[in-house]
Amino acid sequence: MPSHWAPYPSAGKNETVVDVFYRHFSKYSGGFIPADFNGDGKLDFIVIAPAGCEAHDPNARLDYGSSGGPAADFVISTPSGYSAAEGFRSFIDTSMIKRHGTKDMLEINGSGWNGSCGYVETAVWGWTGKQVQLIELHNDKGQVVDREGCAIPSGAATTATASSSPRIPLATGYYAYVEGTFSTCAKPVMSPWYFDGTRFWEEWDVTDPKHEYSSEAVKWEMVAANRFRITYRNRDEDGQWDRHLSVNEYVITGPQSFTYVGTVGGPLNANERHQLCTPSQLPAKAKWYKQR
């Protein structure tokens, strides 16, 4: 059957965004929503495709405004043409495009959840200068909140670049992944990270401490008082940088410990605990860090 794409609609009277999905894809093989995310006066697009071979559950919330549904990716205008960027999976419609100043943003408001401080209703995706990504969460009163629904004070910084890294309230030193007796400071199953007070440094493997970990942190964000994110670009076995970025999120559980909770855009339900280890606790081969 030939591919047939058409503009993606808004929900009609008595329709939900799930109804829109089934109505559109009963006739077409793809959809698109025009917008101007980067404010350059040229059209950008959200490209929407059905689940294909992957099963989707309309009632299964993934994360950050994503509730199963079709893949929604971005096509962004550039001085030389267009650039494609991976997005998320969610049921959305055209009415969720909102104008903010000179730019459009996508406000996903059909996939809320209850956090420890209250209800998180809306996930706002917008242009950061390099890409379209989640930039804010709002509660049902329109206030800016973190993932747990806790209010973020007005004027508080929500993003920071690697060149102006936010202060992360952790002690300096080596942090090892700990999991019962499986992985400890004395017997880490992977190389500990080293935190120098500003950023983390990583090595790939304790069995080969000269092998540099093939990723690079390109952005840091404090998204709550006890939560931070690191955006990575990854390098393949040929030494080439992948154009896709990954955003990992961490919860600070104390002045000497944090937990990796997952990758933004996917389920944030990992529970990989890391704790500060003294140099005397670590095997010699794990103490790889040198002042940079």
C-alpha atoms as a PDB file:
ATOM      1  CA  MET A   1       0.000   0.000   0.000  1.00  0.00           C
ATOM      2  CA  PRO A   2       1.481   3.430  -0.902  1.00  0.00           C
ATOM      3  CA  SER A   3       2.407   5.785   1.912  1.00  0.00           C
ATOM      4  CA  HIS A   4      -0.202   8.509   2.439  1.00  0.00           C
ATOM      5  CA  TRP A   5       0.581  11.330   4.870  1.00  0.00           C
ATOM      6  CA  ALA A   6      -1.717  14.175   5.896  1.00  0.00           C
ATOM      7  CA  PRO A   7      -1.841  16.993   8.465  1.00  0.00           C
ATOM      8  CA  TYR A   8      -2.653  15.646  11.906  1.00  0.00           C
ATOM      9  CA  PRO A   9      -5.951  17.015  13.328  1.00  0.00           C
ATOM     10  CA  SER A  10      -7.174  18.334  16.650  1.00  0.00           C
ATOM     11  CA  ALA A  11      -9.676  16.478  18.793  1.00  0.00           C
ATOM     12  CA  GLY A  12     -13.273  17.178  17.858  1.00  0.00           C
ATOM     13  CA  LYS A  13     -16.225  17.534  20.175  1.00  0.00           C
ATOM     14  CA  ASN A  14     -16.482  14.567  22.556  1.00  0.00           C
ATOM     15  CA  GLU A  15     -13.202  13.167  21.175  1.00  0.00           C
ATOM     16  CA  THR A  16     -10.007  12.302  23.063  1.00  0.00           C
ATOM     17  CA  VAL A  17      -6.463  12.338  21.674  1.00  0.00           C
ATOM     18  CA  VAL A  18      -6.711   8.546  21.465  1.00  0.00           C
ATOM     19  CA  ASP A  19      -9.825   8.922  19.288  1.00  0.00           C
ATOM     20  CA  VAL A  20      -7.870  11.317  17.046  1.00  0.00           C
ATOM     21  CA  PHE A  21      -5.145   8.690  16.647  1.00  0.00           C
ATOM     22  CA  TYR A  22      -7.576   5.997  15.476  1.00  0.00           C
ATOM     23  CA  ARG A  23      -9.517   8.423  13.256  1.00  0.00           C
ATOM     24  CA  HIS A  24      -6.385   9.666  11.488  1.00  0.00           C
ATOM     25  CA  PHE A  25      -4.669   6.318  11.015  1.00  0.00           C
ATOM     26  CA  SER A  26      -7.810   4.651   9.710  1.00  0.00           C
ATOM     27  CA  LYS A  27      -7.215   6.765   6.569  1.00  0.00           C
ATOM     28  CA  TYR A  28      -3.535   7.716   6.528  1.00  0.00           C
ATOM     29  CA  SER A  29      -0.175   6.071   7.137  1.00  0.00           C
ATOM     30  CA  GLY A  30       1.396   9.131   8.778  1.00  0.00           C
ATOM     31  CA  GLY A  31       0.715  12.601  10.069  1.00  0.00           C
ATOM     32  CA  PHE A  32       2.489  15.874  10.746  1.00  0.00           C
ATOM     33  CA  ILE A  33       1.906  18.987  12.840  1.00  0.00           C
ATOM     34  CA  PRO A  34       3.557  22.237  11.677  1.00  0.00           C
ATOM     35  CA  ALA A  35       5.075  24.660  14.206  1.00  0.00           C
ATOM     36  CA  ASP A  36       8.014  27.044  14.609  1.00  0.00           C
ATOM     37  CA  PHE A  37       9.932  25.673  17.570  1.00  0.00           C
ATOM     38  CA  ASN A  38      13.220  27.509  17.009  1.00  0.00           C
ATOM     39  CA  GLY A  39      11.676  30.872  16.140  1.00  0.00           C
ATOM     40  CA  ASP A  40      13.467  31.309  12.801  1.00  0.00           C
ATOM     41  CA  GLY A  41      10.265  32.010  10.881  1.00  0.00           C
ATOM     42  CA  LYS A  42      10.427  28.708   8.966  1.00  0.00           C
ATOM     43  CA  LEU A  43       8.143  25.761   9.588  1.00  0.00           C
ATOM     44  CA  ASP A  44       9.274  22.889  11.770  1.00  0.00           C
ATOM     45  CA  PHE A  45       7.266  19.699  12.123  1.00  0.00           C
ATOM     46  CA  ILE A  46       6.233  17.027  14.569  1.00  0.00           C
ATOM     47  CA  VAL A  47       6.122  13.829  12.514  1.00  0.00           C
ATOM     48  CA  ILE A  48       3.685  11.227  13.829  1.00  0.00           C
ATOM     49  CA  ALA A  49       3.721   7.564  12.837  1.00  0.00           C
ATOM     50  CA  PRO A  50       1.690   4.644  14.188  1.00  0.00           C
ATOM     51  CA  ALA A  51       3.225   2.031  16.448  1.00  0.00           C
ATOM     52  CA  GLY A  52       4.085  -0.256  13.533  1.00  0.00           C
ATOM     53  CA  CYS A  53       5.244  -3.641  14.784  1.00  0.00           C
ATOM     54  CA  GLU A  54       5.419  -2.443  18.392  1.00  0.00           C
ATOM     55  CA  ALA A  55       2.393  -2.912  20.628  1.00  0.00           C
ATOM     56  CA  HIS A  56       1.087   0.239  22.289  1.00  0.00           C
ATOM     57  CA  ASP A  57      -1.111   0.550  25.334  1.00  0.00           C
ATOM     58  CA  PRO A  58      -3.200   3.750  25.514  1.00  0.00           C
ATOM     59  CA  ASN A  59      -3.392   3.394  29.308  1.00  0.00           C
ATOM     60  CA  ALA A  60       0.308   2.786  29.949  1.00  0.00           C
ATOM     61  CA  ARG A  61       2.090   5.968  30.993  1.00  0.00           C
ATOM     62  CA  LEU A  62       5.743   6.036  30.012  1.00  0.00           C
ATOM     63  CA  ASP A  63       7.128   9.304  31.340  1.00  0.00           C
ATOM     64  CA  TYR A  64       7.198  13.096  31.071  1.00  0.00           C
ATOM     65  CA  GLY A  65       3.919  13.489  29.245  1.00  0.00           C
ATOM     66  CA  SER A  66       4.251  10.298  27.259  1.00  0.00           C
ATOM     67  CA  SER A  67       1.349   7.850  27.429  1.00  0.00           C
ATOM     68  CA  GLY A  68       2.067   5.097  24.950  1.00  0.00           C
ATOM     69  CA  GLY A  69       0.688   5.811  21.520  1.00  0.00           C
ATOM     70  CA  PRO A  70       2.463   6.617  18.259  1.00  0.00           C
ATOM     71  CA  ALA A  71       6.028   7.807  17.821  1.00  0.00           C
ATOM     72  CA  ALA A  72       6.290  11.611  17.628  1.00  0.00           C
ATOM     73  CA  ASP A  73       9.603  12.909  16.275  1.00  0.00           C
ATOM     74  CA  PHE A  74      10.808  16.388  15.320  1.00  0.00           C
ATOM     75  CA  VAL A  75      11.971  17.849  12.015  1.00  0.00           C
ATOM     76  CA  ILE A  76      13.647  21.213  12.672  1.00  0.00           C
ATOM     77  CA  SER A  77      14.617  23.871  10.126  1.00  0.00           C
ATOM     78  CA  THR A  78      18.298  24.809   9.811  1.00  0.00           C
ATOM     79  CA  PRO A  79      20.135  27.382   7.676  1.00  0.00           C
ATOM     80  CA  SER A  80      20.948  24.629   5.182  1.00  0.00           C
ATOM     81  CA  GLY A  81      17.688  22.666   5.229  1.00  0.00           C
ATOM     82  CA  TYR A  82      16.186  20.429   7.890  1.00  0.00           C
ATOM     83  CA  SER A  83      17.410  18.200  10.699  1.00  0.00           C
ATOM     84  CA  ALA A  84      15.551  15.213  12.171  1.00  0.00           C
ATOM     85  CA  ALA A  85      15.542  14.547  15.917  1.00  0.00           C
ATOM     86  CA  GLU A  86      14.091  11.733  17.977  1.00  0.00           C
ATOM     87  CA  GLY A  87      11.157  12.654  20.187  1.00  0.00           C
ATOM     88  CA  PHE A  88       8.919  10.428  22.294  1.00  0.00           C
ATOM     89  CA  ARG A  89       5.821   8.214  22.213  1.00  0.00           C
ATOM     90  CA  SER A  90       2.553   9.876  23.125  1.00  0.00           C
ATOM     91  CA  PHE A  91      -1.000  10.606  22.061  1.00  0.00           C
ATOM     92  CA  ILE A  92      -1.052  14.284  21.065  1.00  0.00           C
ATOM     93  CA  ASP A  93      -3.013  16.582  18.755  1.00  0.00           C
ATOM     94  CA  THR A  94      -2.616  19.923  16.990  1.00  0.00           C
ATOM     95  CA  SER A  95      -4.301  21.901  19.792  1.00  0.00           C
ATOM     96  CA  MET A  96      -1.306  21.230  22.055  1.00  0.00           C
ATOM     97  CA  ILE A  97       0.903  23.615  20.041  1.00  0.00           C
ATOM     98  CA  LYS A  98       1.024  26.896  22.002  1.00  0.00           C
ATOM     99  CA  ARG A  99       2.765  30.168  21.129  1.00  0.00           C
ATOM    100  CA  HIS A 100       5.298  31.490  23.662  1.00  0.00           C
ATOM    101  CA  GLY A 101       6.749  34.799  22.499  1.00  0.00           C
ATOM    102  CA  THR A 102       8.442  34.178  19.134  1.00  0.00           C
ATOM    103  CA  LYS A 103       8.448  30.376  19.402  1.00  0.00           C
ATOM    104  CA  ASP A 104       5.969  27.520  19.518  1.00  0.00           C
ATOM    105  CA  MET A 105       5.961  24.907  22.249  1.00  0.00           C
ATOM    106  CA  LEU A 106       4.199  21.581  22.636  1.00  0.00           C
ATOM    107  CA  GLU A 107       2.161  21.330  25.825  1.00  0.00           C
ATOM    108  CA  ILE A 108       1.201  17.696  26.424  1.00  0.00           C
ATOM    109  CA  ASN A 109      -1.672  17.769  28.890  1.00  0.00           C
ATOM    110  CA  GLY A 110      -3.302  14.394  28.590  1.00  0.00           C
ATOM    111  CA  SER A 111      -0.875  12.198  30.525  1.00  0.00           C
ATOM    112  CA  GLY A 112      -0.628  13.521  34.058  1.00  0.00           C
ATOM    113  CA  TRP A 113       0.446  11.646  37.152  1.00  0.00           C
ATOM    114  CA  ASN A 114       0.448  12.036  40.925  1.00  0.00           C
ATOM    115  CA  GLY A 115       3.796  12.973  42.446  1.00  0.00           C
ATOM    116  CA  SER A 116       4.726  13.101  46.119  1.00  0.00           C
ATOM    117  CA  CYS A 117       3.812  16.839  46.256  1.00  0.00           C
ATOM    118  CA  GLY A 118       0.808  16.848  43.948  1.00  0.00           C
ATOM    119  CA  TYR A 119      -0.522  16.287  40.471  1.00  0.00           C
ATOM    120  CA  VAL A 120       1.684  16.865  37.410  1.00  0.00           C
ATOM    121  CA  GLU A 121      -0.632  17.799  34.549  1.00  0.00           C
ATOM    122  CA  THR A 122       1.349  19.287  31.649  1.00  0.00           C
ATOM    123  CA  ALA A 123       4.718  18.524  30.060  1.00  0.00           C
ATOM    124  CA  VAL A 124       6.103  21.409  27.985  1.00  0.00           C
ATOM    125  CA  TRP A 125       8.496  20.628  25.134  1.00  0.00           C
ATOM    126  CA  GLY A 126      10.422  23.528  23.567  1.00  0.00           C
ATOM    127  CA  TRP A 127      13.561  24.639  21.758  1.00  0.00           C
ATOM    128  CA  THR A 128      16.708  24.879  23.909  1.00  0.00           C
ATOM    129  CA  GLY A 129      18.978  26.357  21.257  1.00  0.00           C
ATOM    130  CA  LYS A 130      20.167  22.955  20.081  1.00  0.00           C
ATOM    131  CA  GLN A 131      17.175  20.658  20.201  1.00  0.00           C
ATOM    132  CA  VAL A 132      13.545  20.263  21.208  1.00  0.00           C
ATOM    133  CA  GLN A 133      13.253  18.645  24.615  1.00  0.00           C
ATOM    134  CA  LEU A 134      11.224  18.697  27.810  1.00  0.00           C
ATOM    135  CA  ILE A 135      11.795  22.077  29.450  1.00  0.00           C
ATOM    136  CA  GLU A 136       9.069  22.380  32.101  1.00  0.00           C
ATOM    137  CA  LEU A 137       6.413  20.481  34.010  1.00  0.00           C
ATOM    138  CA  HIS A 138       3.257  22.201  35.280  1.00  0.00           C
ATOM    139  CA  ASN A 139       0.753  21.184  37.941  1.00  0.00           C
ATOM    140  CA  ASP A 140      -3.020  21.541  37.575  1.00  0.00           C
ATOM    141  CA  LYS A 141      -2.759  25.187  38.730  1.00  0.00           C
ATOM    142  CA  GLY A 142      -0.250  26.043  36.001  1.00  0.00           C
ATOM    143  CA  GLN A 143       2.698  26.315  38.409  1.00  0.00           C
ATOM    144  CA  VAL A 144       6.144  25.076  37.371  1.00  0.00           C
ATOM    145  CA  VAL A 145       6.949  21.903  39.294  1.00  0.00           C
ATOM    146  CA  ASP A 146       9.433  19.054  39.326  1.00  0.00           C
ATOM    147  CA  ARG A 147       8.588  15.452  38.470  1.00  0.00           C
ATOM    148  CA  GLU A 148       7.126  14.880  41.939  1.00  0.00           C
ATOM    149  CA  GLY A 149       4.788  17.867  41.600  1.00  0.00           C
ATOM    150  CA  CYS A 150       6.856  19.982  44.010  1.00  0.00           C
ATOM    151  CA  ALA A 151       6.844  23.713  43.194  1.00  0.00           C
ATOM    152  CA  ILE A 152      10.036  25.189  41.722  1.00  0.00           C
ATOM    153  CA  PRO A 153      10.621  28.736  43.046  1.00  0.00           C
ATOM    154  CA  SER A 154      10.074  31.537  40.521  1.00  0.00           C
ATOM    155  CA  GLY A 155      13.332  32.486  38.844  1.00  0.00           C
ATOM    156  CA  ALA A 156      15.112  29.282  39.855  1.00  0.00           C
ATOM    157  CA  ALA A 157      17.432  27.962  37.157  1.00  0.00           C
ATOM    158  CA  THR A 158      16.130  24.794  35.542  1.00  0.00           C
ATOM    159  CA  THR A 159      18.911  24.206  33.022  1.00  0.00           C
ATOM    160  CA  ALA A 160      22.653  24.729  32.854  1.00  0.00           C
ATOM    161  CA  THR A 161      25.301  23.872  30.316  1.00  0.00           C
ATOM    162  CA  ALA A 162      28.417  21.848  30.963  1.00  0.00           C
ATOM    163  CA  SER A 163      30.480  25.042  30.743  1.00  0.00           C
ATOM    164  CA  SER A 164      28.490  26.549  33.623  1.00  0.00           C
ATOM    165  CA  SER A 165      27.686  23.404  35.557  1.00  0.00           C
ATOM    166  CA  PRO A 166      25.156  23.659  38.390  1.00  0.00           C
ATOM    167  CA  ARG A 167      26.283  22.978  41.906  1.00  0.00           C
ATOM    168  CA  ILE A 168      25.521  19.347  42.730  1.00  0.00           C
ATOM    169  CA  PRO A 169      25.427  18.874  46.526  1.00  0.00           C
ATOM    170  CA  LEU A 170      27.652  15.803  46.703  1.00  0.00           C
ATOM    171  CA  ALA A 171      31.022  15.215  48.327  1.00  0.00           C
ATOM    172  CA  THR A 172      34.000  14.862  45.990  1.00  0.00           C
ATOM    173  CA  GLY A 173      35.520  11.435  45.404  1.00  0.00           C
ATOM    174  CA  TYR A 174      34.820   8.018  43.879  1.00  0.00           C
ATOM    175  CA  TYR A 175      31.216   6.769  43.599  1.00  0.00           C
ATOM    176  CA  ALA A 176      30.681   3.048  43.054  1.00  0.00           C
ATOM    177  CA  TYR A 177      27.549   1.210  42.003  1.00  0.00           C
ATOM    178  CA  VAL A 178      26.478  -0.820  45.041  1.00  0.00           C
ATOM    179  CA  GLU A 179      24.097  -3.767  44.964  1.00  0.00           C
ATOM    180  CA  GLY A 180      24.224  -5.951  48.080  1.00  0.00           C
ATOM    181  CA  THR A 181      27.260  -8.225  47.888  1.00  0.00           C
ATOM    182  CA  PHE A 182      27.135  -8.275  44.068  1.00  0.00           C
ATOM    183  CA  SER A 183      28.894  -4.920  43.761  1.00  0.00           C
ATOM    184  CA  THR A 184      30.614  -3.088  46.613  1.00  0.00           C
ATOM    185  CA  CYS A 185      33.323  -0.480  47.094  1.00  0.00           C
ATOM    186  CA  ALA A 186      35.822  -3.314  47.587  1.00  0.00           C
ATOM    187  CA  LYS A 187      34.581  -5.281  44.570  1.00  0.00           C
ATOM    188  CA  PRO A 188      32.908  -2.928  42.064  1.00  0.00           C
ATOM    189  CA  VAL A 189      31.492  -4.624  38.975  1.00  0.00           C
ATOM    190  CA  MET A 190      32.105  -1.490  36.929  1.00  0.00           C
ATOM    191  CA  SER A 191      34.532   1.367  37.248  1.00  0.00           C
ATOM    192  CA  PRO A 192      33.526   3.949  39.858  1.00  0.00           C
ATOM    193  CA  TRP A 193      32.742   7.469  38.750  1.00  0.00           C
ATOM    194  CA  TYR A 194      34.841  10.299  40.109  1.00  0.00           C
ATOM    195  CA  PHE A 195      33.083  13.517  41.139  1.00  0.00           C
ATOM    196  CA  ASP A 196      35.421  16.527  41.285  1.00  0.00           C
ATOM    197  CA  GLY A 197      32.910  18.939  42.822  1.00  0.00           C
ATOM    198  CA  THR A 198      31.621  20.154  39.461  1.00  0.00           C
ATOM    199  CA  ARG A 199      31.149  17.142  37.204  1.00  0.00           C
ATOM    200  CA  PHE A 200      31.568  13.390  37.027  1.00  0.00           C
ATOM    201  CA  TRP A 201      34.361  11.611  35.179  1.00  0.00           C
ATOM    202  CA  GLU A 202      33.952   8.041  34.008  1.00  0.00           C
ATOM    203  CA  GLU A 203      35.988   5.114  32.809  1.00  0.00           C
ATOM    204  CA  TRP A 204      34.597   2.167  30.924  1.00  0.00           C
ATOM    205  CA  ASP A 205      35.812  -0.933  32.671  1.00  0.00           C
ATOM    206  CA  VAL A 206      37.761  -1.712  35.852  1.00  0.00           C
ATOM    207  CA  THR A 207      39.492  -4.556  34.008  1.00  0.00           C
ATOM    208  CA  ASP A 208      40.876  -2.078  31.476  1.00  0.00           C
ATOM    209  CA  PRO A 209      41.332   1.262  33.252  1.00  0.00           C
ATOM    210  CA  LYS A 210      43.117   2.788  30.238  1.00  0.00           C
ATOM    211  CA  HIS A 211      39.986   2.415  28.121  1.00  0.00           C
ATOM    212  CA  GLU A 212      38.196   5.779  28.226  1.00  0.00           C
ATOM    213  CA  TYR A 213      34.425   5.569  28.489  1.00  0.00           C
ATOM    214  CA  SER A 214      33.116   6.398  25.007  1.00  0.00           C
ATOM    215  CA  SER A 215      30.605   9.098  25.882  1.00  0.00           C
ATOM    216  CA  GLU A 216      30.728  12.767  26.700  1.00  0.00           C
ATOM    217  CA  ALA A 217      28.522  14.879  28.946  1.00  0.00           C
ATOM    218  CA  VAL A 218      27.388  17.888  26.938  1.00  0.00           C
ATOM    219  CA  LYS A 219      24.850  19.408  29.337  1.00  0.00           C
ATOM    220  CA  TRP A 220      24.005  19.395  33.046  1.00  0.00           C
ATOM    221  CA  GLU A 221      20.676  20.295  34.610  1.00  0.00           C
ATOM    222  CA  MET A 222      19.428  20.608  38.181  1.00  0.00           C
ATOM    223  CA  VAL A 223      15.700  19.927  37.811  1.00  0.00           C
ATOM    224  CA  ALA A 224      14.957  19.902  41.536  1.00  0.00           C
ATOM    225  CA  ALA A 225      16.887  20.356  44.764  1.00  0.00           C
ATOM    226  CA  ASN A 226      17.638  16.629  44.870  1.00  0.00           C
ATOM    227  CA  ARG A 227      17.533  15.699  41.187  1.00  0.00           C
ATOM    228  CA  PHE A 228      19.879  16.299  38.275  1.00  0.00           C
ATOM    229  CA  ARG A 229      20.246  15.236  34.649  1.00  0.00           C
ATOM    230  CA  ILE A 230      23.229  14.684  32.384  1.00  0.00           C
ATOM    231  CA  THR A 231      22.866  14.796  28.601  1.00  0.00           C
ATOM    232  CA  TYR A 232      25.326  12.538  26.788  1.00  0.00           C
ATOM    233  CA  ARG A 233      26.501  12.036  23.268  1.00  0.00           C
ATOM    234  CA  ASN A 234      27.906   8.577  22.540  1.00  0.00           C
ATOM    235  CA  ARG A 235      30.765   7.399  20.377  1.00  0.00           C
ATOM    236  CA  ASP A 236      30.617   4.156  18.390  1.00  0.00           C
ATOM    237  CA  GLU A 237      33.332   1.552  18.006  1.00  0.00           C
ATOM    238  CA  ASP A 238      34.736   3.475  15.034  1.00  0.00           C
ATOM    239  CA  GLY A 239      35.168   6.589  17.133  1.00  0.00           C
ATOM    240  CA  GLN A 240      32.298   8.478  15.467  1.00  0.00           C
ATOM    241  CA  TRP A 241      29.892  10.557  17.559  1.00  0.00           C
ATOM    242  CA  ASP A 242      26.238   9.504  17.316  1.00  0.00           C
ATOM    243  CA  ARG A 243      23.904  12.394  16.459  1.00  0.00           C
ATOM    244  CA  HIS A 244      21.342  11.132  18.970  1.00  0.00           C
ATOM    245  CA  LEU A 245      21.676  12.349  22.563  1.00  0.00           C
ATOM    246  CA  SER A 246      20.617  10.501  25.693  1.00  0.00           C
ATOM    247  CA  VAL A 247      19.462  12.227  28.875  1.00  0.00           C
ATOM    248  CA  ASN A 248      19.964  10.324  32.113  1.00  0.00           C
ATOM    249  CA  GLU A 249      18.388  11.345  35.401  1.00  0.00           C
ATOM    250  CA  TYR A 250      19.701  10.907  38.943  1.00  0.00           C
ATOM    251  CA  VAL A 251      18.244  11.440  42.405  1.00  0.00           C
ATOM    252  CA  ILE A 252      20.515  12.605  45.234  1.00  0.00           C
ATOM    253  CA  THR A 253      19.759  10.492  48.286  1.00  0.00           C
ATOM    254  CA  GLY A 254      22.302  12.064  50.636  1.00  0.00           C
ATOM    255  CA  PRO A 255      25.558  14.063  50.659  1.00  0.00           C
ATOM    256  CA  GLN A 256      27.460  10.895  49.706  1.00  0.00           C
ATOM    257  CA  SER A 257      25.017   8.920  47.554  1.00  0.00           C
ATOM    258  CA  PHE A 258      22.790   9.143  44.484  1.00  0.00           C
ATOM    259  CA  THR A 259      20.577   6.825  42.440  1.00  0.00           C
ATOM    260  CA  TYR A 260      20.382   6.511  38.673  1.00  0.00           C
ATOM    261  CA  VAL A 261      16.655   6.358  37.901  1.00  0.00           C
ATOM    262  CA  GLY A 262      16.621   6.043  34.113  1.00  0.00           C
ATOM    263  CA  THR A 263      16.741   7.749  30.739  1.00  0.00           C
ATOM    264  CA  VAL A 264      14.369  10.641  30.092  1.00  0.00           C
ATOM    265  CA  GLY A 265      11.810   9.602  27.494  1.00  0.00           C
ATOM    266  CA  GLY A 266      11.658   6.073  28.902  1.00  0.00           C
ATOM    267  CA  PRO A 267      10.478   4.648  32.220  1.00  0.00           C
ATOM    268  CA  LEU A 268      12.254   6.294  35.169  1.00  0.00           C
ATOM    269  CA  ASN A 269      12.052   3.285  37.439  1.00  0.00           C
ATOM    270  CA  ALA A 270      15.653   2.087  37.590  1.00  0.00           C
ATOM    271  CA  ASN A 271      17.177   1.902  41.049  1.00  0.00           C
ATOM    272  CA  GLU A 272      20.951   1.809  40.577  1.00  0.00           C
ATOM    273  CA  ARG A 273      22.471   3.101  43.791  1.00  0.00           C
ATOM    274  CA  HIS A 274      25.888   4.757  43.882  1.00  0.00           C
ATOM    275  CA  GLN A 275      27.751   5.667  47.051  1.00  0.00           C
ATOM    276  CA  LEU A 276      30.958   7.458  47.985  1.00  0.00           C
ATOM    277  CA  CYS A 277      33.908   5.128  48.550  1.00  0.00           C
ATOM    278  CA  THR A 278      37.135   6.090  50.312  1.00  0.00           C
ATOM    279  CA  PRO A 279      40.331   5.345  48.353  1.00  0.00           C
ATOM    280  CA  SER A 280      41.278   2.726  50.958  1.00  0.00           C
ATOM    281  CA  GLN A 281      38.034   0.828  50.259  1.00  0.00           C
ATOM    282  CA  LEU A 282      38.666   0.535  46.531  1.00  0.00           C
ATOM    283  CA  PRO A 283      40.952  -1.942  44.748  1.00  0.00           C
ATOM    284  CA  ALA A 284      44.011  -0.309  43.214  1.00  0.00           C
ATOM    285  CA  LYS A 285      42.842  -0.859  39.620  1.00  0.00           C
ATOM    286  CA  ALA A 286      39.632   1.102  40.319  1.00  0.00           C
ATOM    287  CA  LYS A 287      41.486   4.260  41.414  1.00  0.00           C
ATOM    288  CA  TRP A 288      42.034   5.549  37.899  1.00  0.00           C
ATOM    289  CA  TYR A 289      41.277   9.259  38.266  1.00  0.00           C
ATOM    290  CA  LYS A 290      43.982  11.860  37.705  1.00  0.00           C
ATOM    291  CA  GLN A 291      43.518  15.607  38.018  1.00  0.00           C
ATOM    292  CA  ARG A 292      42.273  16.967  34.668  1.00  0.00           C
END
